[in-house]
Amino acid sequence: MDYSKPSLADALAAQYVAGTLRGRAKRRFETLLAAHPALRSAVRSWQDRLMPLTGVIATENPPPGVWYAIEQRLWPQTAPAPAAWWQRLGLWRALAGFTSAVALGLAMLLASPPPAQAPIVIVLQGTGQGPLASGTFVASLSADGRALTTRPVQPVALQADRALELWAVPPEGAPRSLGVISANGTTIVQRKLLPQSLLKGDTAALAVTVEPPGGSPTGKATGPIVYVGKLQL
């Protein structure tokens, strides 16, 4: 075989560089390289053509299923089936660790809950305007401003045709009604009546006036102010 022929040398060199020349043929070709300059030249030529192509190909890791398919084809009796995502030990370990961390955090939170904020207490003193204005009312406002209760220290002797109405007094402008309150017991003011900005400077004081049953018919205070207390934040 005349290895000096360019066509033969080129064909053998192409197979060798591409990796398709195998077994005895490959070993024979490698032995001939030392004695045939034409073969060496053809190999260098094909290396120059093919090697740059490998530099632009990004490394890709095939998914486990590809390896399993290859193993099944080569060794169908011994290839283990790939674990499904819910069967992978690493996944369950990670989930177990995450669950443990969440459980630990929840246990710590339950064991040491954040301290409850104390309510704001407003003392409404009698103004001295009339016989009803000599006692004291106590109002308790939750720290978030969303709950308010009132209670007189002593029951107020109120006429049957009269009622006590609570007002939120802003720094400027007209007072806002918070509804009718009890003269001899605890009153829980409806949340919908409380100003949303009660603890943000919207209310400077609380006041109680004497009104007709059901409260002021005009939306404004019509009777005397009998109790008032400054809201100190």
Protein backbone atom coordinates (compact mmCIF):
# COMPACT_ATOMS: atom_id res chain seq x y z
CA MET A 1 0.00 0.00 0.00
CA ASP A 2 1.44 3.29 -1.11
CA TYR A 3 1.02 5.59 1.92
CA SER A 4 2.66 8.41 -0.01
CA LYS A 5 -0.49 8.92 -2.07
CA PRO A 6 -2.19 12.10 -0.80
CA SER A 7 -5.70 10.66 -1.07
CA LEU A 8 -4.83 7.55 1.00
CA ALA A 9 -2.83 9.48 3.57
CA ASP A 10 -5.64 12.03 3.93
CA ALA A 11 -8.32 9.38 4.39
CA LEU A 12 -6.35 7.47 7.04
CA ALA A 13 -5.36 10.66 8.86
CA ALA A 14 -8.99 11.85 8.93
CA GLN A 15 -10.16 8.60 10.55
CA TYR A 16 -7.30 8.67 13.04
CA VAL A 17 -7.88 12.26 14.17
CA ALA A 18 -11.66 11.78 14.30
CA GLY A 19 -11.23 8.65 16.45
CA THR A 20 -12.91 6.21 14.07
CA LEU A 21 -9.68 4.31 13.31
CA ARG A 22 -9.48 1.63 15.99
CA GLY A 23 -7.94 -1.65 17.00
CA ARG A 24 -5.16 -3.16 14.88
CA ALA A 25 -5.66 -0.56 12.15
CA LYS A 26 -5.00 2.26 14.60
CA ARG A 27 -1.90 0.59 16.04
CA ARG A 28 -0.54 -0.07 12.54
CA PHE A 29 -1.20 3.53 11.53
CA GLU A 30 0.67 4.87 14.59
CA THR A 31 3.64 2.60 13.71
CA LEU A 32 3.69 3.94 10.15
CA LEU A 33 3.66 7.59 11.26
CA ALA A 34 7.35 7.52 12.20
CA ALA A 35 8.39 6.41 8.69
CA HIS A 36 5.97 8.35 6.48
CA PRO A 37 6.18 12.15 6.45
CA ALA A 38 3.06 12.30 4.28
CA LEU A 39 1.00 10.62 6.99
CA ARG A 40 2.34 12.97 9.68
CA SER A 41 1.56 15.96 7.50
CA ALA A 42 -1.98 14.72 6.87
CA VAL A 43 -2.55 14.16 10.60
CA ARG A 44 -1.40 17.72 11.45
CA SER A 45 -3.64 19.06 8.70
CA TRP A 46 -6.72 17.29 10.10
CA GLN A 47 -5.85 18.31 13.66
CA ASP A 48 -5.68 21.93 12.55
CA ARG A 49 -9.13 21.57 10.95
CA LEU A 50 -10.94 19.71 13.74
CA MET A 51 -9.37 20.85 17.01
CA PRO A 52 -10.71 24.44 16.85
CA LEU A 53 -14.21 23.03 16.60
CA THR A 54 -13.93 21.53 20.09
CA GLY A 55 -13.08 24.88 21.62
CA VAL A 56 -16.48 26.43 20.86
CA ILE A 57 -18.53 23.58 22.24
CA ALA A 58 -19.70 24.20 25.82
CA THR A 59 -19.40 21.36 28.30
CA GLU A 60 -22.74 19.66 28.76
CA ASN A 61 -23.62 17.16 31.47
CA PRO A 62 -26.24 14.73 30.13
CA PRO A 63 -29.20 13.99 32.40
CA PRO A 64 -29.18 10.70 34.37
CA GLY A 65 -31.73 9.20 31.99
CA VAL A 66 -29.25 9.33 29.11
CA TRP A 67 -26.66 7.30 31.03
CA TYR A 68 -29.36 4.86 32.07
CA ALA A 69 -30.43 4.36 28.45
CA ILE A 70 -26.81 3.71 27.43
CA GLU A 71 -26.32 1.23 30.26
CA GLN A 72 -29.57 -0.52 29.42
CA ARG A 73 -28.43 -0.96 25.83
CA LEU A 74 -24.97 -2.24 26.81
CA TRP A 75 -25.85 -4.23 29.95
CA PRO A 76 -29.65 -4.62 30.07
CA GLN A 77 -29.58 -7.00 33.02
CA THR A 78 -27.34 -5.00 35.35
CA ALA A 79 -28.14 -1.35 34.73
CA PRO A 80 -30.01 0.11 37.74
CA ALA A 81 -33.08 2.20 37.04
CA PRO A 82 -32.54 5.92 37.64
CA ALA A 83 -34.16 7.21 40.80
CA ALA A 84 -37.20 9.39 40.27
CA TRP A 85 -37.02 12.86 41.74
CA TRP A 86 -39.09 11.81 44.76
CA GLN A 87 -36.78 8.85 45.39
CA ARG A 88 -33.51 10.75 45.50
CA LEU A 89 -31.89 10.61 48.91
CA GLY A 90 -30.34 14.04 48.59
CA LEU A 91 -33.72 15.62 47.94
CA TRP A 92 -35.27 14.08 51.04
CA ARG A 93 -32.28 15.02 53.13
CA ALA A 94 -32.62 18.62 52.01
CA LEU A 95 -36.36 18.62 52.66
CA ALA A 96 -35.85 17.01 56.07
CA GLY A 97 -33.27 19.63 56.97
CA PHE A 98 -35.54 22.46 55.85
CA THR A 99 -38.52 21.02 57.76
CA SER A 100 -36.42 20.62 60.90
CA ALA A 101 -35.26 24.23 60.66
CA VAL A 102 -38.82 25.49 60.26
CA ALA A 103 -40.04 23.34 63.16
CA LEU A 104 -37.21 24.56 65.37
CA GLY A 105 -37.93 28.17 64.50
CA LEU A 106 -41.64 27.71 65.23
CA ALA A 107 -40.89 25.99 68.54
CA MET A 108 -38.61 28.83 69.59
CA LEU A 109 -41.25 31.37 68.62
CA LEU A 110 -43.93 29.57 70.62
CA ALA A 111 -41.62 29.08 73.58
CA SER A 112 -40.63 32.74 73.70
CA PRO A 113 -43.40 34.83 72.11
CA PRO A 114 -42.68 38.53 71.67
CA PRO A 115 -43.74 40.59 74.67
CA ALA A 116 -47.23 42.04 74.32
CA GLN A 117 -47.31 45.81 74.15
CA ALA A 118 -49.12 47.42 77.04
CA PRO A 119 -52.29 49.38 76.26
CA ILE A 120 -52.41 53.14 76.53
CA VAL A 121 -54.55 54.30 79.44
CA ILE A 122 -56.32 57.66 79.23
CA VAL A 123 -57.89 59.12 82.37
CA LEU A 124 -60.84 61.38 81.61
CA GLN A 125 -61.40 63.79 84.48
CA GLY A 126 -64.67 65.52 85.21
CA THR A 127 -64.81 69.09 83.95
CA GLY A 128 -67.02 70.33 86.78
CA GLN A 129 -69.73 71.43 84.35
CA GLY A 130 -72.86 70.21 86.14
CA PRO A 131 -73.53 67.42 88.64
CA LEU A 132 -72.43 64.66 86.20
CA ALA A 133 -68.96 66.08 85.73
CA SER A 134 -67.47 65.23 89.11
CA GLY A 135 -66.30 61.65 88.58
CA THR A 136 -63.64 59.96 86.43
CA PHE A 137 -63.68 57.77 83.31
CA VAL A 138 -60.87 55.43 82.28
CA ALA A 139 -60.26 54.57 78.64
CA SER A 140 -57.91 51.78 77.54
CA LEU A 141 -56.49 51.96 74.02
CA SER A 142 -54.63 48.99 72.52
CA ALA A 143 -51.03 49.59 71.45
CA ASP A 144 -52.02 49.21 67.78
CA GLY A 145 -54.89 51.68 68.10
CA ARG A 146 -57.48 49.14 66.93
CA ALA A 147 -59.37 48.51 70.20
CA LEU A 148 -60.76 50.93 72.77
CA THR A 149 -62.73 50.33 75.97
CA THR A 150 -64.17 52.80 78.47
CA ARG A 151 -65.40 52.44 82.03
CA PRO A 152 -66.46 54.95 84.69
CA VAL A 153 -64.60 54.66 88.00
CA GLN A 154 -67.96 55.23 89.74
CA PRO A 155 -71.38 54.82 88.08
CA VAL A 156 -72.74 58.06 86.67
CA ALA A 157 -76.27 59.06 87.74
CA LEU A 158 -77.64 59.81 84.30
CA GLN A 159 -81.24 60.74 83.49
CA ALA A 160 -83.21 58.25 81.41
CA ASP A 161 -83.55 60.71 78.54
CA ARG A 162 -79.83 61.42 78.40
CA ALA A 163 -76.79 59.48 77.09
CA LEU A 164 -73.03 59.82 77.23
CA GLU A 165 -71.18 60.11 73.92
CA LEU A 166 -67.44 59.68 73.41
CA TRP A 167 -65.49 61.93 71.04
CA ALA A 168 -62.01 61.86 69.52
CA VAL A 169 -60.67 65.40 69.61
CA PRO A 170 -58.06 66.16 66.91
CA PRO A 171 -55.34 68.80 67.32
CA GLU A 172 -57.33 70.93 64.87
CA GLY A 173 -60.83 70.69 63.49
CA ALA A 174 -64.10 69.24 64.75
CA PRO A 175 -64.27 66.28 67.17
CA ARG A 176 -65.29 62.89 65.76
CA SER A 177 -67.90 60.75 67.44
CA LEU A 178 -66.83 57.32 68.70
CA GLY A 179 -70.36 56.37 69.73
CA VAL A 180 -72.47 56.20 72.88
CA ILE A 181 -70.80 54.74 75.98
CA SER A 182 -72.19 53.18 79.15
CA ALA A 183 -72.59 55.34 82.25
CA ASN A 184 -72.17 52.42 84.66
CA GLY A 185 -70.21 49.66 82.91
CA THR A 186 -67.61 48.78 80.34
CA THR A 187 -68.04 49.82 76.71
CA ILE A 188 -66.09 48.36 73.81
CA VAL A 189 -65.96 50.97 71.06
CA GLN A 190 -66.62 49.49 67.63
CA ARG A 191 -63.44 49.19 65.59
CA LYS A 192 -65.04 50.81 62.56
CA LEU A 193 -65.53 53.99 64.59
CA LEU A 194 -61.86 54.35 65.54
CA PRO A 195 -59.76 56.66 63.36
CA GLN A 196 -57.12 54.70 61.45
CA SER A 197 -54.47 57.24 62.45
CA LEU A 198 -55.50 57.28 66.13
CA LEU A 199 -51.90 56.81 67.31
CA LYS A 200 -50.32 59.00 64.64
CA GLY A 201 -51.22 62.43 65.93
CA ASP A 202 -54.81 62.34 64.63
CA THR A 203 -56.25 62.45 68.15
CA ALA A 204 -55.09 64.83 70.89
CA ALA A 205 -57.71 63.99 73.52
CA LEU A 206 -60.87 62.04 74.31
CA ALA A 207 -63.99 63.80 75.57
CA VAL A 208 -67.45 62.79 76.80
CA THR A 209 -70.57 64.88 76.32
CA VAL A 210 -74.18 64.55 77.43
CA GLU A 211 -76.46 63.89 74.46
CA PRO A 212 -79.98 62.65 73.65
CA PRO A 213 -80.55 58.85 73.65
CA GLY A 214 -78.64 57.30 70.72
CA GLY A 215 -76.17 60.16 70.58
CA SER A 216 -76.02 63.55 68.93
CA PRO A 217 -78.57 63.88 66.13
CA THR A 218 -76.35 66.33 64.24
CA GLY A 219 -72.99 64.55 64.31
CA LYS A 220 -71.65 67.36 66.44
CA ALA A 221 -71.54 67.73 70.23
CA THR A 222 -74.75 69.38 71.43
CA GLY A 223 -74.49 68.94 75.20
CA PRO A 224 -71.95 69.97 77.81
CA ILE A 225 -68.48 68.37 77.95
CA VAL A 226 -68.44 66.45 81.24
CA TYR A 227 -65.19 64.42 80.93
CA VAL A 228 -61.97 65.02 79.04
CA GLY A 229 -58.57 63.35 78.96
CA LYS A 230 -55.44 64.12 76.97
CA LEU A 231 -54.00 61.33 74.82
CA GLN A 232 -50.30 61.13 75.69
CA LEU A 233 -48.27 58.80 73.42
